[in-house]
């Protein structure tokens, strides 16, 4: 496995009970960045007590928390993971390895339930529908909009993601496709979370998430119809900037990103 510095962003809203387990399972060299998004249960204090860097983001929203975490990250690799103990951070190195080896630009964790009640039926159904729409829009062979994901921090910053609500994970995949990224998924375990879900644990939260993501998909399809030339991929652009050479204008597998969706 890769031995390197990785920043793990943990969006957090009232996860005091789960944080000790999540932070304690991080591999050596992986720094926890807990983004407190308005917790009232002392989550921030718990995170600090367990060695995490705590970032306060007063503007509510999953995307707001993720963006604040990215702004605080400094490692070459950045990872995302839920702070509710539904996923095991010890599985992150396998995803990091795929990115470090150059096999993919964005490594996603495909959630596989480890217990019967780990994934609420309505949330699982919504995820399947959105995954189908995502595959149609991008051509990526993905089955999950899973929260566990890994990429180069510089590449992520270059995507300039704008969504600050539930659409952030999907916008990342759509923007990655537009930038010519290689995106793939591999299985990870998905257990019963500790505490109550703030997004897909309720029918209302799931509906709101679907609305946010449907809005992004509509915008992406509209802009895709108006695009005719593919851009230089993020990986090529960064390599060209480092070498001082002009990037190639040859068509890539992605399409130019002109989508701008604001909260």
Protein backbone atom coordinates (compact mmCIF):
# COMPACT_ATOMS: atom_id res chain seq x y z
CA UNK A 1 0.00 0.00 0.00
CA UNK A 2 0.98 3.61 -0.53
CA UNK A 3 2.71 5.35 2.37
CA UNK A 4 1.94 9.05 1.97
CA UNK A 5 0.12 12.02 3.40
CA UNK A 6 -3.62 12.09 2.78
CA UNK A 7 -6.22 14.55 4.06
CA UNK A 8 -9.58 12.94 4.83
CA UNK A 9 -12.52 15.35 4.82
CA UNK A 10 -15.31 14.38 7.20
CA UNK A 11 -18.43 16.58 6.84
CA UNK A 12 -20.02 16.58 10.28
CA UNK A 13 -23.38 17.48 11.78
CA UNK A 14 -23.97 16.02 15.27
CA UNK A 15 -21.71 12.97 14.96
CA UNK A 16 -20.13 13.04 18.43
CA UNK A 17 -20.91 9.37 19.07
CA UNK A 18 -19.41 8.15 15.80
CA UNK A 19 -16.33 10.34 15.49
CA UNK A 20 -14.06 8.42 17.91
CA UNK A 21 -14.54 5.25 15.88
CA UNK A 22 -14.13 6.99 12.52
CA UNK A 23 -11.01 8.95 13.44
CA UNK A 24 -9.55 5.97 15.27
CA UNK A 25 -9.81 3.82 12.15
CA UNK A 26 -7.84 6.21 9.93
CA UNK A 27 -4.57 4.66 8.67
CA UNK A 28 -1.25 6.15 9.72
CA UNK A 29 -0.42 9.29 7.75
CA UNK A 30 -4.07 10.09 7.07
CA UNK A 31 -5.16 13.38 8.65
CA UNK A 32 -8.79 13.86 9.67
CA UNK A 33 -10.33 17.21 8.72
CA UNK A 34 -13.68 17.36 10.51
CA UNK A 35 -15.91 20.10 9.13
CA UNK A 36 -18.42 21.06 11.82
CA UNK A 37 -21.54 22.18 9.96
CA UNK A 38 -23.58 23.43 12.91
CA UNK A 39 -23.36 20.58 15.43
CA UNK A 40 -24.96 21.04 18.84
CA UNK A 41 -23.73 17.80 20.45
CA UNK A 42 -20.09 18.77 21.00
CA UNK A 43 -18.82 17.06 17.83
CA UNK A 44 -16.08 19.64 17.38
CA UNK A 45 -14.68 19.07 20.87
CA UNK A 46 -14.77 15.30 20.38
CA UNK A 47 -12.95 15.63 17.06
CA UNK A 48 -10.23 17.81 18.55
CA UNK A 49 -9.80 15.43 21.48
CA UNK A 50 -9.09 12.64 19.00
CA UNK A 51 -6.49 14.61 17.06
CA UNK A 52 -8.54 15.92 14.13
CA UNK A 53 -8.21 19.31 12.52
CA UNK A 54 -11.60 20.98 13.04
CA UNK A 55 -12.99 23.48 10.53
CA UNK A 56 -16.16 25.40 11.33
CA UNK A 57 -18.55 25.98 8.42
CA UNK A 58 -21.65 27.92 9.54
CA UNK A 59 -23.43 27.75 6.17
CA UNK A 60 -25.48 24.57 6.24
CA UNK A 61 -25.22 22.11 3.39
CA UNK A 62 -23.21 19.03 2.49
CA UNK A 63 -21.47 20.87 -0.35
CA UNK A 64 -20.63 23.78 1.94
CA UNK A 65 -18.95 21.41 4.39
CA UNK A 66 -17.04 19.62 1.64
CA UNK A 67 -15.83 22.88 0.11
CA UNK A 68 -14.63 24.13 3.49
CA UNK A 69 -12.71 20.88 3.96
CA UNK A 70 -11.07 21.18 0.58
CA UNK A 71 -10.00 24.74 1.38
CA UNK A 72 -8.32 23.51 4.57
CA UNK A 73 -6.60 20.51 2.94
CA UNK A 74 -2.91 20.68 2.08
CA UNK A 75 -1.96 17.08 1.23
CA UNK A 76 -1.36 15.90 -2.33
CA UNK A 77 -4.28 13.50 -1.99
CA UNK A 78 -7.68 14.31 -0.59
CA UNK A 79 -10.33 11.81 0.43
CA UNK A 80 -13.95 12.10 1.50
CA UNK A 81 -15.72 9.87 3.99
CA UNK A 82 -18.92 10.13 6.02
CA UNK A 83 -18.46 10.81 9.72
CA UNK A 84 -21.25 8.48 10.85
CA UNK A 85 -19.19 5.24 10.97
CA UNK A 86 -21.17 3.68 8.12
CA UNK A 87 -17.91 3.29 6.17
CA UNK A 88 -14.55 2.04 7.39
CA UNK A 89 -11.74 4.57 6.79
CA UNK A 90 -9.32 1.64 6.85
CA UNK A 91 -10.52 0.91 3.31
CA UNK A 92 -9.23 4.24 2.01
CA UNK A 93 -5.65 3.11 1.15
CA UNK A 94 -6.93 0.82 -1.61
CA UNK A 95 -8.64 3.80 -3.27
CA UNK A 96 -5.60 6.03 -2.76
CA UNK A 97 -3.42 3.36 -4.37
CA UNK A 98 -5.55 3.38 -7.54
CA UNK A 99 -5.06 7.15 -7.90
CA UNK A 100 -1.38 7.07 -6.95
CA UNK A 101 -0.69 4.34 -9.52
CA UNK A 102 -2.27 6.47 -12.24
CA UNK A 103 -5.02 3.97 -12.95
CA UNK A 104 -7.79 6.50 -12.25
CA UNK A 105 -8.13 10.20 -11.49
CA UNK A 106 -11.15 9.73 -9.22
CA UNK A 107 -11.55 6.54 -7.19
CA UNK A 108 -15.03 5.94 -5.78
CA UNK A 109 -16.19 3.46 -3.17
CA UNK A 110 -19.22 1.43 -4.25
CA UNK A 111 -21.23 0.74 -1.11
CA UNK A 112 -22.05 -2.89 -0.35
CA UNK A 113 -24.32 -3.27 2.72
CA UNK A 114 -22.85 -5.40 5.48
CA UNK A 115 -26.13 -5.67 7.39
CA UNK A 116 -29.80 -5.77 6.49
CA UNK A 117 -30.66 -2.34 7.85
CA UNK A 118 -27.58 -0.50 6.66
CA UNK A 119 -29.24 1.19 3.69
CA UNK A 120 -32.80 2.53 3.87
CA UNK A 121 -34.90 1.19 0.94
CA UNK A 122 -35.99 4.63 -0.26
CA UNK A 123 -32.40 5.93 -0.21
CA UNK A 124 -31.09 2.87 -2.02
CA UNK A 125 -33.77 3.16 -4.71
CA UNK A 126 -33.05 6.87 -5.23
CA UNK A 127 -29.33 6.11 -5.53
CA UNK A 128 -29.98 3.48 -8.20
CA UNK A 129 -32.11 5.85 -10.27
CA UNK A 130 -29.55 8.63 -10.06
CA UNK A 131 -26.75 6.21 -10.91
CA UNK A 132 -28.55 5.23 -14.11
CA UNK A 133 -28.98 8.87 -15.09
CA UNK A 134 -25.33 9.54 -14.25
CA UNK A 135 -24.18 6.67 -16.47
CA UNK A 136 -26.28 7.98 -19.34
CA UNK A 137 -24.85 11.47 -18.95
CA UNK A 138 -21.19 10.45 -18.65
CA UNK A 139 -20.72 6.93 -19.96
CA UNK A 140 -18.94 5.99 -16.73
CA UNK A 141 -19.78 2.47 -15.57
CA UNK A 142 -20.79 3.56 -12.09
CA UNK A 143 -23.47 2.12 -9.83
CA UNK A 144 -23.22 4.36 -6.77
CA UNK A 145 -22.86 8.01 -5.83
CA UNK A 146 -20.88 6.88 -2.81
CA UNK A 147 -19.45 9.43 -0.36
CA UNK A 148 -16.07 7.67 -0.07
CA UNK A 149 -13.81 8.99 -2.82
CA UNK A 150 -10.16 9.89 -3.47
CA UNK A 151 -8.37 12.20 -5.92
CA UNK A 152 -5.43 14.60 -6.25
CA UNK A 153 -6.21 17.78 -4.32
CA UNK A 154 -4.91 20.05 -7.11
CA UNK A 155 -7.17 18.34 -9.63
CA UNK A 156 -10.21 18.75 -7.40
CA UNK A 157 -9.52 22.45 -6.82
CA UNK A 158 -9.22 22.92 -10.59
CA UNK A 159 -12.76 21.57 -11.07
CA UNK A 160 -14.11 24.66 -9.25
CA UNK A 161 -17.21 22.93 -7.90
CA UNK A 162 -20.06 25.30 -7.04
CA UNK A 163 -22.88 23.24 -5.53
CA UNK A 164 -23.21 23.76 -1.78
CA UNK A 165 -26.10 21.40 -1.11
CA UNK A 166 -26.69 17.70 -1.70
CA UNK A 167 -25.61 17.86 -5.34
CA UNK A 168 -21.90 18.23 -4.57
CA UNK A 169 -20.99 14.51 -5.05
CA UNK A 170 -22.76 14.36 -8.40
CA UNK A 171 -21.33 17.67 -9.59
CA UNK A 172 -17.87 16.27 -8.88
CA UNK A 173 -18.49 13.29 -11.19
CA UNK A 174 -20.04 15.44 -13.93
CA UNK A 175 -17.20 17.96 -13.77
CA UNK A 176 -14.66 15.13 -13.77
CA UNK A 177 -16.25 13.76 -16.94
CA UNK A 178 -16.17 17.17 -18.58
CA UNK A 179 -12.48 17.48 -17.70
CA UNK A 180 -11.59 14.11 -19.20
CA UNK A 181 -10.92 12.30 -15.92
CA UNK A 182 -10.74 8.53 -15.61
CA UNK A 183 -13.33 7.54 -13.01
CA UNK A 184 -13.97 4.08 -11.58
CA UNK A 185 -15.40 2.43 -8.50
CA UNK A 186 -14.52 -0.50 -6.26
CA UNK A 187 -16.51 -2.18 -3.50
CA UNK A 188 -16.41 -1.01 0.12
CA UNK A 189 -18.44 -2.15 3.11
CA UNK A 190 -21.47 -0.14 4.20
CA UNK A 191 -22.68 -0.65 7.78
CA UNK A 192 -25.50 0.68 9.94
CA UNK A 193 -24.64 4.28 10.74
CA UNK A 194 -24.36 5.61 14.28
CA UNK A 195 -27.04 8.21 14.96
CA UNK A 196 -29.62 9.70 12.61
CA UNK A 197 -28.96 10.50 8.96
CA UNK A 198 -29.19 14.18 8.05
CA UNK A 199 -29.77 13.67 4.32
CA UNK A 200 -31.02 10.30 3.06
CA UNK A 201 -32.15 8.85 6.39
CA UNK A 202 -35.54 10.48 5.92
CA UNK A 203 -37.87 10.55 2.95
CA UNK A 204 -37.81 14.35 2.92
CA UNK A 205 -34.01 14.42 2.93
CA UNK A 206 -33.88 11.92 0.09
CA UNK A 207 -36.37 13.92 -1.98
CA UNK A 208 -34.35 17.11 -1.49
CA UNK A 209 -31.14 15.32 -2.49
CA UNK A 210 -32.79 13.94 -5.63
CA UNK A 211 -34.03 17.42 -6.53
CA UNK A 212 -30.55 18.90 -6.17
CA UNK A 213 -28.97 16.19 -8.29
CA UNK A 214 -31.71 16.24 -10.93
CA UNK A 215 -31.11 19.97 -11.33
CA UNK A 216 -27.42 19.33 -11.97
CA UNK A 217 -28.15 16.58 -14.49
CA UNK A 218 -30.56 18.79 -16.43
CA UNK A 219 -28.02 21.60 -16.57
CA UNK A 220 -25.28 19.22 -17.68
CA UNK A 221 -27.40 17.74 -20.47
CA UNK A 222 -28.37 21.20 -21.71
CA UNK A 223 -24.77 22.33 -21.88
CA UNK A 224 -23.62 19.03 -23.39
CA UNK A 225 -25.84 19.66 -26.41
CA UNK A 226 -24.09 22.97 -27.04
CA UNK A 227 -20.53 21.63 -26.83
CA UNK A 228 -18.64 20.46 -29.89
CA UNK A 229 -14.95 20.37 -28.85
CA UNK A 230 -13.31 18.39 -26.08
CA UNK A 231 -10.83 20.12 -23.78
CA UNK A 232 -7.43 19.18 -22.58
CA UNK A 233 -7.86 16.92 -19.56
CA UNK A 234 -6.97 18.12 -16.09
CA UNK A 235 -4.09 15.64 -15.91
CA UNK A 236 -2.61 16.90 -19.22
CA UNK A 237 -3.06 20.54 -18.23
CA UNK A 238 -1.30 20.13 -14.91
CA UNK A 239 1.52 18.14 -16.51
CA UNK A 240 1.92 20.83 -19.17
CA UNK A 241 2.03 23.60 -16.58
CA UNK A 242 4.74 21.78 -14.65
CA UNK A 243 6.83 21.17 -17.77
CA UNK A 244 6.25 24.60 -19.27
CA UNK A 245 4.97 23.09 -22.51
CA UNK A 246 1.75 24.10 -24.21
CA UNK A 247 -1.05 21.56 -23.67
CA UNK A 248 -2.17 19.49 -26.62
CA UNK A 249 -5.42 20.48 -28.29
CA UNK A 250 -6.17 16.94 -29.42
CA UNK A 251 -9.70 15.77 -28.51
CA UNK A 252 -10.03 13.94 -25.19
CA UNK A 253 -12.67 11.64 -23.83
CA UNK A 254 -14.34 14.42 -21.84
CA UNK A 255 -16.18 17.53 -22.95
CA UNK A 256 -15.58 21.13 -22.02
CA UNK A 257 -17.14 22.07 -18.72
CA UNK A 258 -19.32 25.13 -18.97
CA UNK A 259 -21.89 24.08 -16.42
CA UNK A 260 -22.28 26.56 -13.58
CA UNK A 261 -24.86 25.60 -10.98
CA UNK A 262 -25.05 27.73 -7.88
CA UNK A 263 -27.00 26.95 -4.70
